[in-house]
Amino acid sequence: MPLPKANTAITKLPAFRHALIVFGGPLGLEVCAAKDPQLASCEDVAGLFDLYLNTCPEQGSRTIRTEEAVLISLGALQHALRCAGRND
């Protein structure tokens, strides 16, 4: 699935049973993975996930706070999560 462009709603996700939304720290997920001994050899952090989205494109981690990113991301994902989630 291509990454969404700025101001583009995320309208469709693949079907899933469980969802985990991960937010990176101030330096990003790449630095977090590099500090973890089990993930240190990981060349592409996006490969650790079934789906990797940037819900706040063109926003550096120093310009947007985590609590802002959470609200923006959940708002952008809410409809798609409800539609794609399975209840079985």
C-alpha atoms as a PDB file:
ATOM      1  CA  MET A   1       0.000   0.000   0.000  1.00  0.00           C
ATOM      2  CA  PRO A   2       1.537   3.364  -0.950  1.00  0.00           C
ATOM      3  CA  LEU A   3       2.108   5.967   1.720  1.00  0.00           C
ATOM      4  CA  PRO A   4      -0.631   8.586   1.894  1.00  0.00           C
ATOM      5  CA  LYS A   5       0.114  12.105   0.664  1.00  0.00           C
ATOM      6  CA  ALA A   6      -0.416  15.114   2.915  1.00  0.00           C
ATOM      7  CA  ASN A   7      -4.114  15.844   3.549  1.00  0.00           C
ATOM      8  CA  THR A   8      -5.138  12.464   2.113  1.00  0.00           C
ATOM      9  CA  ALA A   9      -7.543  10.362   4.158  1.00  0.00           C
ATOM     10  CA  ILE A  10      -6.594   6.739   4.652  1.00  0.00           C
ATOM     11  CA  THR A  11      -9.677   5.079   3.221  1.00  0.00           C
ATOM     12  CA  LYS A  12      -8.779   1.402   2.898  1.00  0.00           C
ATOM     13  CA  LEU A  13      -6.648  -1.031   4.875  1.00  0.00           C
ATOM     14  CA  PRO A  14      -6.160  -4.764   4.370  1.00  0.00           C
ATOM     15  CA  ALA A  15      -8.409  -6.977   6.530  1.00  0.00           C
ATOM     16  CA  PHE A  16      -6.973  -7.690   9.973  1.00  0.00           C
ATOM     17  CA  ARG A  17      -7.881  -9.273  13.281  1.00  0.00           C
ATOM     18  CA  HIS A  18      -5.544  -7.293  15.541  1.00  0.00           C
ATOM     19  CA  ALA A  19      -3.946  -3.906  14.979  1.00  0.00           C
ATOM     20  CA  LEU A  20      -0.900  -2.414  16.658  1.00  0.00           C
ATOM     21  CA  ILE A  21      -0.122   1.242  16.044  1.00  0.00           C
ATOM     22  CA  VAL A  22       3.486   2.237  16.770  1.00  0.00           C
ATOM     23  CA  PHE A  23       4.794   5.759  17.242  1.00  0.00           C
ATOM     24  CA  GLY A  24       8.501   6.538  17.051  1.00  0.00           C
ATOM     25  CA  GLY A  25      10.493   8.669  19.450  1.00  0.00           C
ATOM     26  CA  PRO A  26      12.013  12.074  18.692  1.00  0.00           C
ATOM     27  CA  LEU A  27      14.668  10.498  16.452  1.00  0.00           C
ATOM     28  CA  GLY A  28      12.312   8.037  14.733  1.00  0.00           C
ATOM     29  CA  LEU A  29      11.787   4.280  14.686  1.00  0.00           C
ATOM     30  CA  GLU A  30      15.097   3.747  12.898  1.00  0.00           C
ATOM     31  CA  VAL A  31      17.098   4.916  15.927  1.00  0.00           C
ATOM     32  CA  CYS A  32      14.890   2.868  18.273  1.00  0.00           C
ATOM     33  CA  ALA A  33      15.529  -0.271  16.210  1.00  0.00           C
ATOM     34  CA  ALA A  34      19.275   0.414  16.020  1.00  0.00           C
ATOM     35  CA  LYS A  35      19.479   0.527  19.842  1.00  0.00           C
ATOM     36  CA  ASP A  36      17.713  -2.846  20.241  1.00  0.00           C
ATOM     37  CA  PRO A  37      20.239  -5.716  20.078  1.00  0.00           C
ATOM     38  CA  GLN A  38      17.693  -8.014  18.402  1.00  0.00           C
ATOM     39  CA  LEU A  39      16.901  -5.424  15.713  1.00  0.00           C
ATOM     40  CA  ALA A  40      20.313  -3.768  15.302  1.00  0.00           C
ATOM     41  CA  SER A  41      20.963  -5.580  12.015  1.00  0.00           C
ATOM     42  CA  CYS A  42      17.608  -4.460  10.574  1.00  0.00           C
ATOM     43  CA  GLU A  43      18.309  -2.366   7.473  1.00  0.00           C
ATOM     44  CA  ASP A  44      14.732  -1.213   6.853  1.00  0.00           C
ATOM     45  CA  VAL A  45      12.492  -0.626   9.871  1.00  0.00           C
ATOM     46  CA  ALA A  46       9.416  -0.648   7.615  1.00  0.00           C
ATOM     47  CA  GLY A  47      10.107  -4.341   7.002  1.00  0.00           C
ATOM     48  CA  LEU A  48       9.303  -5.100  10.641  1.00  0.00           C
ATOM     49  CA  PHE A  49       5.624  -4.303  10.033  1.00  0.00           C
ATOM     50  CA  ASP A  50       2.887  -5.697   7.791  1.00  0.00           C
ATOM     51  CA  LEU A  51       1.898  -2.113   6.977  1.00  0.00           C
ATOM     52  CA  TYR A  52       4.020   0.998   7.527  1.00  0.00           C
ATOM     53  CA  LEU A  53       2.270   4.364   7.207  1.00  0.00           C
ATOM     54  CA  ASN A  54       3.413   7.893   7.816  1.00  0.00           C
ATOM     55  CA  THR A  55       0.192   9.550   8.978  1.00  0.00           C
ATOM     56  CA  CYS A  56       1.859  12.941   9.452  1.00  0.00           C
ATOM     57  CA  PRO A  57       3.912  13.360   6.255  1.00  0.00           C
ATOM     58  CA  GLU A  58       6.378  16.212   6.002  1.00  0.00           C
ATOM     59  CA  GLN A  59       6.284  16.700   9.761  1.00  0.00           C
ATOM     60  CA  GLY A  60       9.576  16.125  11.524  1.00  0.00           C
ATOM     61  CA  SER A  61       9.449  14.682  15.014  1.00  0.00           C
ATOM     62  CA  ARG A  62      10.715  17.989  16.380  1.00  0.00           C
ATOM     63  CA  THR A  63       7.776  19.918  14.899  1.00  0.00           C
ATOM     64  CA  ILE A  64       4.961  17.690  16.129  1.00  0.00           C
ATOM     65  CA  ARG A  65       4.504  16.286  19.619  1.00  0.00           C
ATOM     66  CA  THR A  66       3.606  12.648  20.208  1.00  0.00           C
ATOM     67  CA  GLU A  67       0.207  13.513  21.701  1.00  0.00           C
ATOM     68  CA  GLU A  68      -0.576  15.535  18.559  1.00  0.00           C
ATOM     69  CA  ALA A  69       0.564  12.675  16.320  1.00  0.00           C
ATOM     70  CA  VAL A  70      -1.661  10.221  18.228  1.00  0.00           C
ATOM     71  CA  LEU A  71      -4.782  12.356  17.716  1.00  0.00           C
ATOM     72  CA  ILE A  72      -3.986  13.050  14.051  1.00  0.00           C
ATOM     73  CA  SER A  73      -3.222   9.386  13.345  1.00  0.00           C
ATOM     74  CA  LEU A  74      -6.250   7.945  15.111  1.00  0.00           C
ATOM     75  CA  GLY A  75      -8.470  10.478  13.371  1.00  0.00           C
ATOM     76  CA  ALA A  76      -6.991   9.594   9.986  1.00  0.00           C
ATOM     77  CA  LEU A  77      -7.227   5.835  10.621  1.00  0.00           C
ATOM     78  CA  GLN A  78     -10.554   5.573  12.464  1.00  0.00           C
ATOM     79  CA  HIS A  79     -12.847   4.849   9.516  1.00  0.00           C
ATOM     80  CA  ALA A  80     -10.412   2.508   7.777  1.00  0.00           C
ATOM     81  CA  LEU A  81      -9.772   0.567  11.008  1.00  0.00           C
ATOM     82  CA  ARG A  82     -13.495   0.082  11.614  1.00  0.00           C
ATOM     83  CA  CYS A  83     -14.063  -1.116   8.059  1.00  0.00           C
ATOM     84  CA  ALA A  84     -11.100  -3.508   7.834  1.00  0.00           C
ATOM     85  CA  GLY A  85     -11.179  -4.968  11.358  1.00  0.00           C
ATOM     86  CA  ARG A  86     -12.651  -8.448  11.797  1.00  0.00           C
ATOM     87  CA  ASN A  87     -14.643  -9.437  14.855  1.00  0.00           C
ATOM     88  CA  ASP A  88     -14.283 -13.220  14.561  1.00  0.00           C
END
